Structure formats: C-alpha cells, structure tokens
C-alpha cells in the first residue's frame, strides 16, 4: 500500500505538471494545481484500492490517475471574456 501511495503521488504530480504545461493560462496558481492533482490521485488510489483489493496494483494506479484528472479538470476556467450577469440576478 505504501508503494501504491507513492506511485499515486508521483503520478498526480506528473499529471499536474502536464496540466500546467498545456493549460497554464486557464488554471489557478501552480501550488494549487500541484496540491489538487496529488491529493486527487491519492484519494483515487485509496478509493480504487478499497474497491478492488490488494492484488490490483495497476488498476489502483489507473484509478488514481483517473480521479486526479477529474479533480484537475474542475480547476479549469473558461476561455475568453467573463460572463456578464443579467439584471434579474
């Protein structure tokens, strides 16, 4: 479990780095992106490990990357100008 956690954290950092390289203008600060990617991957590893069991290391790491990518996608801001609020709101 320790190696799975370490692998998930490394994969989360790699995913965060890739997101910062490709979407730097649409993401918040680098610290927030790295923290979100790493914690998302660790949570994904925990969740997948609890669902699959101890003998599925590759499946656990795939789950870690999947949940890490989903949590990073929540940080992406839309392109272009900001949306204007209506007068009724």
PDB file of N, CA and C in Angstrom:
ATOM      1  N   UNK A   1       0.825  -1.195   0.000  1.00  0.00           N
ATOM      2  CA  UNK A   1       0.000   0.000   0.000  1.00  0.00           C
ATOM      3  C   UNK A   1       0.865   1.253   0.000  1.00  0.00           C
ATOM      4  N   UNK A   2       2.020   1.196   0.629  1.00  0.00           N
ATOM      5  CA  UNK A   2       2.904   2.364   0.660  1.00  0.00           C
ATOM      6  C   UNK A   2       3.425   2.666  -0.735  1.00  0.00           C
ATOM      7  N   UNK A   3       3.802   1.640  -1.500  1.00  0.00           N
ATOM      8  CA  UNK A   3       4.291   1.861  -2.851  1.00  0.00           C
ATOM      9  C   UNK A   3       3.186   2.352  -3.773  1.00  0.00           C
ATOM     10  N   UNK A   4       1.969   1.872  -3.549  1.00  0.00           N
ATOM     11  CA  UNK A   4       0.842   2.378  -4.334  1.00  0.00           C
ATOM     12  C   UNK A   4       0.611   3.860  -4.038  1.00  0.00           C
ATOM     13  N   UNK A   5       0.707   4.234  -2.782  1.00  0.00           N
ATOM     14  CA  UNK A   5       0.524   5.639  -2.408  1.00  0.00           C
ATOM     15  C   UNK A   5       1.621   6.516  -3.000  1.00  0.00           C
ATOM     16  N   UNK A   6       2.842   6.042  -2.929  1.00  0.00           N
ATOM     17  CA  UNK A   6       3.955   6.788  -3.502  1.00  0.00           C
ATOM     18  C   UNK A   6       3.802   6.921  -5.014  1.00  0.00           C
ATOM     19  N   UNK A   7       3.430   5.831  -5.668  1.00  0.00           N
ATOM     20  CA  UNK A   7       3.215   5.861  -7.113  1.00  0.00           C
ATOM     21  C   UNK A   7       2.074   6.791  -7.495  1.00  0.00           C
ATOM     22  N   UNK A   8       1.007   6.786  -6.709  1.00  0.00           N
ATOM     23  CA  UNK A   8      -0.125   7.671  -6.984  1.00  0.00           C
ATOM     24  C   UNK A   8       0.272   9.125  -6.813  1.00  0.00           C
ATOM     25  N   UNK A   9       1.057   9.426  -5.788  1.00  0.00           N
ATOM     26  CA  UNK A   9       1.501  10.802  -5.574  1.00  0.00           C
ATOM     27  C   UNK A   9       2.398  11.269  -6.722  1.00  0.00           C
ATOM     28  N   UNK A  10       3.286  10.420  -7.184  1.00  0.00           N
ATOM     29  CA  UNK A  10       4.162  10.769  -8.303  1.00  0.00           C
ATOM     30  C   UNK A  10       3.344  10.957  -9.576  1.00  0.00           C
ATOM     31  N   UNK A  11       2.384  10.078  -9.811  1.00  0.00           N
ATOM     32  CA  UNK A  11       1.528  10.227 -10.985  1.00  0.00           C
ATOM     33  C   UNK A  11       0.674  11.492 -10.905  1.00  0.00           C
ATOM     34  N   UNK A  12       0.208  11.824  -9.717  1.00  0.00           N
ATOM     35  CA  UNK A  12      -0.553  13.056  -9.536  1.00  0.00           C
ATOM     36  C   UNK A  12       0.282  14.289  -9.815  1.00  0.00           C
ATOM     37  N   UNK A  13       1.530  14.280  -9.365  1.00  0.00           N
ATOM     38  CA  UNK A  13       2.432  15.402  -9.655  1.00  0.00           C
ATOM     39  C   UNK A  13       2.749  15.486 -11.141  1.00  0.00           C
ATOM     40  N   UNK A  14       2.941  14.344 -11.788  1.00  0.00           N
ATOM     41  CA  UNK A  14       3.198  14.348 -13.229  1.00  0.00           C
ATOM     42  C   UNK A  14       1.991  14.857 -13.999  1.00  0.00           C
ATOM     43  N   UNK A  15       0.806  14.472 -13.575  1.00  0.00           N
ATOM     44  CA  UNK A  15      -0.421  14.947 -14.203  1.00  0.00           C
ATOM     45  C   UNK A  15      -0.586  16.447 -14.000  1.00  0.00           C
ATOM     46  N   UNK A  16      -0.256  16.937 -12.822  1.00  0.00           N
ATOM     47  CA  UNK A  16      -0.322  18.370 -12.542  1.00  0.00           C
ATOM     48  C   UNK A  16       0.679  19.139 -13.384  1.00  0.00           C
ATOM     49  N   UNK A  17       1.871  18.616 -13.516  1.00  0.00           N
ATOM     50  CA  UNK A  17       2.887  19.254 -14.331  1.00  0.00           C
ATOM     51  C   UNK A  17       2.440  19.341 -15.786  1.00  0.00           C
ATOM     52  N   UNK A  18       1.868  18.242 -16.306  1.00  0.00           N
ATOM     53  CA  UNK A  18       1.383  18.246 -17.686  1.00  0.00           C
ATOM     54  C   UNK A  18       0.246  19.245 -17.872  1.00  0.00           C
ATOM     55  N   UNK A  19      -0.623  19.343 -16.888  1.00  0.00           N
ATOM     56  CA  UNK A  19      -1.723  20.307 -16.974  1.00  0.00           C
ATOM     57  C   UNK A  19      -1.197  21.734 -16.942  1.00  0.00           C
ATOM     58  N   UNK A  20      -0.222  21.994 -16.105  1.00  0.00           N
ATOM     59  CA  UNK A  20       0.355  23.336 -16.044  1.00  0.00           C
ATOM     60  C   UNK A  20       1.090  23.697 -17.333  1.00  0.00           C
ATOM     61  N   UNK A  21       1.734  22.731 -17.961  1.00  0.00           N
ATOM     62  CA  UNK A  21       2.443  22.991 -19.205  1.00  0.00           C
ATOM     63  C   UNK A  21       1.488  23.291 -20.350  1.00  0.00           C
ATOM     64  N   UNK A  22       0.347  22.618 -20.383  1.00  0.00           N
ATOM     65  CA  UNK A  22      -0.549  22.774 -21.529  1.00  0.00           C
ATOM     66  C   UNK A  22      -1.662  23.794 -21.304  1.00  0.00           C
ATOM     67  N   UNK A  23      -2.064  24.029 -20.065  1.00  0.00           N
ATOM     68  CA  UNK A  23      -3.191  24.916 -19.785  1.00  0.00           C
ATOM     69  C   UNK A  23      -2.841  25.984 -18.749  1.00  0.00           C
ATOM     70  N   UNK A  24      -1.658  26.512 -18.792  1.00  0.00           N
ATOM     71  CA  UNK A  24      -1.204  27.446 -17.749  1.00  0.00           C
ATOM     72  C   UNK A  24      -2.064  28.696 -17.668  1.00  0.00           C
ATOM     73  N   UNK A  25      -2.589  29.162 -18.794  1.00  0.00           N
ATOM     74  CA  UNK A  25      -3.374  30.389 -18.776  1.00  0.00           C
ATOM     75  C   UNK A  25      -4.797  30.183 -18.261  1.00  0.00           C
ATOM     76  N   UNK A  26      -5.235  28.946 -18.162  1.00  0.00           N
ATOM     77  CA  UNK A  26      -6.605  28.674 -17.718  1.00  0.00           C
ATOM     78  C   UNK A  26      -6.683  28.035 -16.342  1.00  0.00           C
ATOM     79  N   UNK A  27      -5.557  27.916 -15.658  1.00  0.00           N
ATOM     80  CA  UNK A  27      -5.515  27.292 -14.337  1.00  0.00           C
ATOM     81  C   UNK A  27      -5.109  28.315 -13.280  1.00  0.00           C
ATOM     82  N   UNK A  28      -5.477  28.069 -12.018  1.00  0.00           N
ATOM     83  CA  UNK A  28      -5.009  28.956 -10.938  1.00  0.00           C
ATOM     84  C   UNK A  28      -3.517  28.749 -10.683  1.00  0.00           C
ATOM     85  N   UNK A  29      -3.037  29.142  -9.549  1.00  0.00           N
ATOM     86  CA  UNK A  29      -1.606  29.077  -9.244  1.00  0.00           C
ATOM     87  C   UNK A  29      -1.069  27.643  -9.315  1.00  0.00           C
ATOM     88  N   UNK A  30       0.220  27.559  -9.563  1.00  0.00           N
ATOM     89  CA  UNK A  30       0.858  26.250  -9.683  1.00  0.00           C
ATOM     90  C   UNK A  30       0.791  25.434  -8.412  1.00  0.00           C
ATOM     91  N   UNK A  31       0.861  26.112  -7.268  1.00  0.00           N
ATOM     92  CA  UNK A  31       0.784  25.417  -5.983  1.00  0.00           C
ATOM     93  C   UNK A  31      -0.575  24.734  -5.817  1.00  0.00           C
ATOM     94  N   UNK A  32      -1.640  25.428  -6.178  1.00  0.00           N
ATOM     95  CA  UNK A  32      -2.985  24.854  -6.057  1.00  0.00           C
ATOM     96  C   UNK A  32      -3.172  23.683  -7.017  1.00  0.00           C
ATOM     97  N   UNK A  33      -2.610  23.795  -8.215  1.00  0.00           N
ATOM     98  CA  UNK A  33      -2.739  22.722  -9.194  1.00  0.00           C
ATOM     99  C   UNK A  33      -1.972  21.481  -8.735  1.00  0.00           C
ATOM    100  N   UNK A  34      -0.758  21.664  -8.251  1.00  0.00           N
ATOM    101  CA  UNK A  34       0.036  20.517  -7.778  1.00  0.00           C
ATOM    102  C   UNK A  34      -0.606  19.850  -6.577  1.00  0.00           C
ATOM    103  N   UNK A  35      -1.120  20.641  -5.664  1.00  0.00           N
ATOM    104  CA  UNK A  35      -1.774  20.084  -4.485  1.00  0.00           C
ATOM    105  C   UNK A  35      -3.047  19.330  -4.870  1.00  0.00           C
ATOM    106  N   UNK A  36      -3.839  19.902  -5.757  1.00  0.00           N
ATOM    107  CA  UNK A  36      -5.082  19.263  -6.171  1.00  0.00           C
ATOM    108  C   UNK A  36      -4.816  17.970  -6.926  1.00  0.00           C
ATOM    109  N   UNK A  37      -3.852  17.987  -7.830  1.00  0.00           N
ATOM    110  CA  UNK A  37      -3.528  16.777  -8.585  1.00  0.00           C
ATOM    111  C   UNK A  37      -3.013  15.654  -7.704  1.00  0.00           C
ATOM    112  N   UNK A  38      -2.154  15.997  -6.768  1.00  0.00           N
ATOM    113  CA  UNK A  38      -1.583  14.984  -5.873  1.00  0.00           C
ATOM    114  C   UNK A  38      -2.634  14.414  -4.930  1.00  0.00           C
ATOM    115  N   UNK A  39      -3.417  15.293  -4.304  1.00  0.00           N
ATOM    116  CA  UNK A  39      -4.446  14.803  -3.378  1.00  0.00           C
ATOM    117  C   UNK A  39      -5.550  14.049  -4.108  1.00  0.00           C
ATOM    118  N   UNK A  40      -5.887  14.482  -5.315  1.00  0.00           N
ATOM    119  CA  UNK A  40      -6.875  13.758  -6.105  1.00  0.00           C
ATOM    120  C   UNK A  40      -6.390  12.362  -6.465  1.00  0.00           C
ATOM    121  N   UNK A  41      -5.122  12.248  -6.842  1.00  0.00           N
ATOM    122  CA  UNK A  41      -4.568  10.937  -7.174  1.00  0.00           C
ATOM    123  C   UNK A  41      -4.482  10.044  -5.939  1.00  0.00           C
ATOM    124  N   UNK A  42      -4.119  10.606  -4.801  1.00  0.00           N
ATOM    125  CA  UNK A  42      -4.071   9.796  -3.577  1.00  0.00           C
ATOM    126  C   UNK A  42      -5.460   9.320  -3.170  1.00  0.00           C
ATOM    127  N   UNK A  43      -6.454  10.187  -3.304  1.00  0.00           N
ATOM    128  CA  UNK A  43      -7.817   9.775  -2.993  1.00  0.00           C
ATOM    129  C   UNK A  43      -8.292   8.710  -3.984  1.00  0.00           C
ATOM    130  N   UNK A  44      -7.946   8.875  -5.254  1.00  0.00           N
ATOM    131  CA  UNK A  44      -8.308   7.874  -6.255  1.00  0.00           C
ATOM    132  C   UNK A  44      -7.660   6.524  -5.985  1.00  0.00           C
ATOM    133  N   UNK A  45      -6.409   6.542  -5.539  1.00  0.00           N
ATOM    134  CA  UNK A  45      -5.729   5.289  -5.199  1.00  0.00           C
ATOM    135  C   UNK A  45      -6.396   4.624  -4.001  1.00  0.00           C
ATOM    136  N   UNK A  46      -6.746   5.427  -3.005  1.00  0.00           N
ATOM    137  CA  UNK A  46      -7.421   4.881  -1.824  1.00  0.00           C
ATOM    138  C   UNK A  46      -8.772   4.276  -2.194  1.00  0.00           C
ATOM    139  N   UNK A  47      -9.527   5.006  -2.992  1.00  0.00           N
ATOM    140  CA  UNK A  47     -10.851   4.553  -3.390  1.00  0.00           C
ATOM    141  C   UNK A  47     -10.773   3.276  -4.235  1.00  0.00           C
ATOM    142  N   UNK A  48      -9.872   3.257  -5.197  1.00  0.00           N
ATOM    143  CA  UNK A  48      -9.732   2.093  -6.060  1.00  0.00           C
ATOM    144  C   UNK A  48      -9.171   0.904  -5.297  1.00  0.00           C
ATOM    145  N   UNK A  49      -8.234   1.155  -4.402  1.00  0.00           N
ATOM    146  CA  UNK A  49      -7.682   0.069  -3.587  1.00  0.00           C
ATOM    147  C   UNK A  49      -8.757  -0.546  -2.694  1.00  0.00           C
ATOM    148  N   UNK A  50      -9.627   0.286  -2.150  1.00  0.00           N
ATOM    149  CA  UNK A  50     -10.715  -0.232  -1.313  1.00  0.00           C
ATOM    150  C   UNK A  50     -11.711  -1.034  -2.133  1.00  0.00           C
ATOM    151  N   UNK A  51     -11.921  -0.642  -3.385  1.00  0.00           N
ATOM    152  CA  UNK A  51     -12.893  -1.342  -4.224  1.00  0.00           C
ATOM    153  C   UNK A  51     -12.330  -2.639  -4.807  1.00  0.00           C
ATOM    154  N   UNK A  52     -11.069  -2.633  -5.238  1.00  0.00           N
ATOM    155  CA  UNK A  52     -10.507  -3.792  -5.928  1.00  0.00           C
ATOM    156  C   UNK A  52      -9.773  -4.765  -5.015  1.00  0.00           C
ATOM    157  N   UNK A  53      -9.121  -4.259  -4.012  1.00  0.00           N
ATOM    158  CA  UNK A  53      -8.356  -5.123  -3.127  1.00  0.00           C
ATOM    159  C   UNK A  53      -6.865  -4.925  -3.309  1.00  0.00           C
ATOM    160  N   UNK A  54      -6.093  -5.798  -2.670  1.00  0.00           N
ATOM    161  CA  UNK A  54      -4.648  -5.607  -2.603  1.00  0.00           C
ATOM    162  C   UNK A  54      -3.896  -6.101  -3.828  1.00  0.00           C
ATOM    163  N   UNK A  55      -4.451  -6.977  -4.626  1.00  0.00           N
ATOM    164  CA  UNK A  55      -3.704  -7.597  -5.718  1.00  0.00           C
ATOM    165  C   UNK A  55      -3.802  -6.863  -7.051  1.00  0.00           C
ATOM    166  N   UNK A  56      -4.379  -5.692  -7.077  1.00  0.00           N
ATOM    167  CA  UNK A  56      -4.611  -4.970  -8.330  1.00  0.00           C
ATOM    168  C   UNK A  56      -3.863  -3.643  -8.328  1.00  0.00           C
ATOM    169  N   UNK A  57      -2.550  -3.724  -8.427  1.00  0.00           N
ATOM    170  CA  UNK A  57      -1.724  -2.516  -8.347  1.00  0.00           C
ATOM    171  C   UNK A  57      -1.927  -1.636  -9.573  1.00  0.00           C
ATOM    172  N   UNK A  58      -1.947  -2.223 -10.758  1.00  0.00           N
ATOM    173  CA  UNK A  58      -2.120  -1.442 -11.982  1.00  0.00           C
ATOM    174  C   UNK A  58      -3.498  -0.792 -12.014  1.00  0.00           C
ATOM    175  N   UNK A  59      -4.510  -1.530 -11.611  1.00  0.00           N
ATOM    176  CA  UNK A  59      -5.856  -0.969 -11.547  1.00  0.00           C
ATOM    177  C   UNK A  59      -5.958   0.176 -10.553  1.00  0.00           C
ATOM    178  N   UNK A  60      -5.257   0.051  -9.447  1.00  0.00           N
ATOM    179  CA  UNK A  60      -5.238   1.112  -8.450  1.00  0.00           C
ATOM    180  C   UNK A  60      -4.596   2.380  -9.002  1.00  0.00           C
ATOM    181  N   UNK A  61      -3.502   2.224  -9.726  1.00  0.00           N
ATOM    182  CA  UNK A  61      -2.839   3.388 -10.303  1.00  0.00           C
ATOM    183  C   UNK A  61      -3.658   4.012 -11.428  1.00  0.00           C
ATOM    184  N   UNK A  62      -4.384   3.195 -12.181  1.00  0.00           N
ATOM    185  CA  UNK A  62      -5.279   3.740 -13.207  1.00  0.00           C
ATOM    186  C   UNK A  62      -6.402   4.536 -12.547  1.00  0.00           C
ATOM    187  N   UNK A  63      -6.941   4.036 -11.462  1.00  0.00           N
ATOM    188  CA  UNK A  63      -7.961   4.772 -10.719  1.00  0.00           C
ATOM    189  C   UNK A  63      -7.411   6.058 -10.141  1.00  0.00           C
ATOM    190  N   UNK A  64      -6.165   6.034  -9.699  1.00  0.00           N
ATOM    191  CA  UNK A  64      -5.538   7.242  -9.150  1.00  0.00           C
ATOM    192  C   UNK A  64      -5.403   8.313 -10.217  1.00  0.00           C
ATOM    193  N   UNK A  65      -4.958   7.931 -11.393  1.00  0.00           N
ATOM    194  CA  UNK A  65      -4.805   8.903 -12.479  1.00  0.00           C
ATOM    195  C   UNK A  65      -6.168   9.419 -12.928  1.00  0.00           C
ATOM    196  N   UNK A  66      -7.151   8.554 -12.967  1.00  0.00           N
ATOM    197  CA  UNK A  66      -8.492   8.969 -13.392  1.00  0.00           C
ATOM    198  C   UNK A  66      -9.087  10.011 -12.442  1.00  0.00           C
ATOM    199  N   UNK A  67      -9.051   9.737 -11.156  1.00  0.00           N
ATOM    200  CA  UNK A  67      -9.615  10.684 -10.185  1.00  0.00           C
ATOM    201  C   UNK A  67      -8.777  11.953 -10.121  1.00  0.00           C
ATOM    202  N   UNK A  68      -7.470  11.832 -10.251  1.00  0.00           N
ATOM    203  CA  UNK A  68      -6.615  13.016 -10.291  1.00  0.00           C
ATOM    204  C   UNK A  68      -6.929  13.904 -11.484  1.00  0.00           C
ATOM    205  N   UNK A  69      -7.176  13.301 -12.640  1.00  0.00           N
ATOM    206  CA  UNK A  69      -7.524  14.083 -13.828  1.00  0.00           C
ATOM    207  C   UNK A  69      -8.879  14.763 -13.673  1.00  0.00           C
ATOM    208  N   UNK A  70      -9.813  14.076 -13.043  1.00  0.00           N
ATOM    209  CA  UNK A  70     -11.133  14.679 -12.828  1.00  0.00           C
ATOM    210  C   UNK A  70     -11.036  15.871 -11.878  1.00  0.00           C
ATOM    211  N   UNK A  71     -10.282  15.736 -10.816  1.00  0.00           N
ATOM    212  CA  UNK A  71     -10.165  16.851  -9.880  1.00  0.00           C
ATOM    213  C   UNK A  71      -9.426  18.028 -10.509  1.00  0.00           C
ATOM    214  N   UNK A  72      -8.446  17.752 -11.359  1.00  0.00           N
ATOM    215  CA  UNK A  72      -7.764  18.839 -12.052  1.00  0.00           C
ATOM    216  C   UNK A  72      -8.678  19.509 -13.068  1.00  0.00           C
ATOM    217  N   UNK A  73      -9.564  18.754 -13.668  1.00  0.00           N
ATOM    218  CA  UNK A  73     -10.467  19.356 -14.654  1.00  0.00           C
ATOM    219  C   UNK A  73     -11.443  20.327 -13.997  1.00  0.00           C
ATOM    220  N   UNK A  74     -11.674  20.173 -12.706  1.00  0.00           N
ATOM    221  CA  UNK A  74     -12.556  21.100 -12.002  1.00  0.00           C
ATOM    222  C   UNK A  74     -11.918  22.473 -11.803  1.00  0.00           C
ATOM    223  N   UNK A  75     -10.613  22.572 -11.969  1.00  0.00           N
ATOM    224  CA  UNK A  75      -9.916  23.845 -11.786  1.00  0.00           C
ATOM    225  C   UNK A  75      -9.855  24.680 -13.058  1.00  0.00           C
ATOM    226  N   UNK A  76     -10.160  24.101 -14.201  1.00  0.00           N
ATOM    227  CA  UNK A  76     -10.008  24.803 -15.474  1.00  0.00           C
ATOM    228  C   UNK A  76     -11.069  25.883 -15.606  1.00  0.00           C
ATOM    229  N   UNK A  77     -10.612  27.088 -15.920  1.00  0.00           N
ATOM    230  CA  UNK A  77     -11.512  28.221 -16.139  1.00  0.00           C
ATOM    231  C   UNK A  77     -11.844  28.322 -17.614  1.00  0.00           C
ATOM    232  N   UNK A  78     -13.013  28.871 -17.950  1.00  0.00           N
ATOM    233  CA  UNK A  78     -13.366  29.006 -19.367  1.00  0.00           C
ATOM    234  C   UNK A  78     -12.486  30.027 -20.072  1.00  0.00           C
ATOM    235  N   UNK A  79     -12.377  29.873 -21.384  1.00  0.00           N
ATOM    236  CA  UNK A  79     -11.605  30.807 -22.201  1.00  0.00           C
ATOM    237  C   UNK A  79     -12.385  32.071 -22.456  1.00  0.00           C
ATOM    238  N   UNK A  80     -11.665  33.095 -22.852  1.00  0.00           N
ATOM    239  CA  UNK A  80     -12.316  34.310 -23.309  1.00  0.00           C
ATOM    240  C   UNK A  80     -12.761  35.216 -22.183  1.00  0.00           C
ATOM    241  N   UNK A  81     -13.711  36.048 -22.520  1.00  0.00           N
ATOM    242  CA  UNK A  81     -14.172  37.042 -21.560  1.00  0.00           C
ATOM    243  C   UNK A  81     -15.104  36.423 -20.530  1.00  0.00           C
ATOM    244  N   UNK A  82     -15.289  37.138 -19.466  1.00  0.00           N
ATOM    245  CA  UNK A  82     -16.158  36.647 -18.391  1.00  0.00           C
ATOM    246  C   UNK A  82     -17.612  36.776 -18.790  1.00  0.00           C
ATOM    247  N   UNK A  83     -18.437  35.956 -18.193  1.00  0.00           N
ATOM    248  CA  UNK A  83     -19.853  36.017 -18.469  1.00  0.00           C
ATOM    249  C   UNK A  83     -20.458  37.219 -17.739  1.00  0.00           C
ATOM    250  N   UNK A  84     -21.334  37.915 -18.407  1.00  0.00           N
ATOM    251  CA  UNK A  84     -22.000  39.063 -17.797  1.00  0.00           C
ATOM    252  C   UNK A  84     -23.220  38.598 -17.024  1.00  0.00           C
ATOM    253  N   UNK A  85     -23.464  39.206 -15.902  1.00  0.00           N
ATOM    254  CA  UNK A  85     -24.644  38.847 -15.118  1.00  0.00           C
ATOM    255  C   UNK A  85     -25.851  39.591 -15.654  1.00  0.00           C
ATOM    256  N   UNK A  86     -26.976  38.937 -15.572  1.00  0.00           N
ATOM    257  CA  UNK A  86     -28.193  39.600 -16.034  1.00  0.00           C
ATOM    258  C   UNK A  86     -28.713  40.560 -14.968  1.00  0.00           C
ATOM    259  N   UNK A  87     -29.586  41.443 -15.362  1.00  0.00           N
ATOM    260  CA  UNK A  87     -30.127  42.424 -14.424  1.00  0.00           C
ATOM    261  C   UNK A  87     -31.057  41.774 -13.398  1.00  0.00           C
ATOM    262  N   UNK A  88     -31.650  40.641 -13.766  1.00  0.00           N
ATOM    263  CA  UNK A  88     -32.578  39.962 -12.854  1.00  0.00           C
ATOM    264  C   UNK A  88     -31.853  39.264 -11.718  1.00  0.00           C
ATOM    265  N   UNK A  89     -30.600  38.952 -11.898  1.00  0.00           N
ATOM    266  CA  UNK A  89     -29.864  38.209 -10.881  1.00  0.00           C
ATOM    267  C   UNK A  89     -29.392  39.062  -9.813  1.00  0.00           C
TER     268      UNK A  89
END
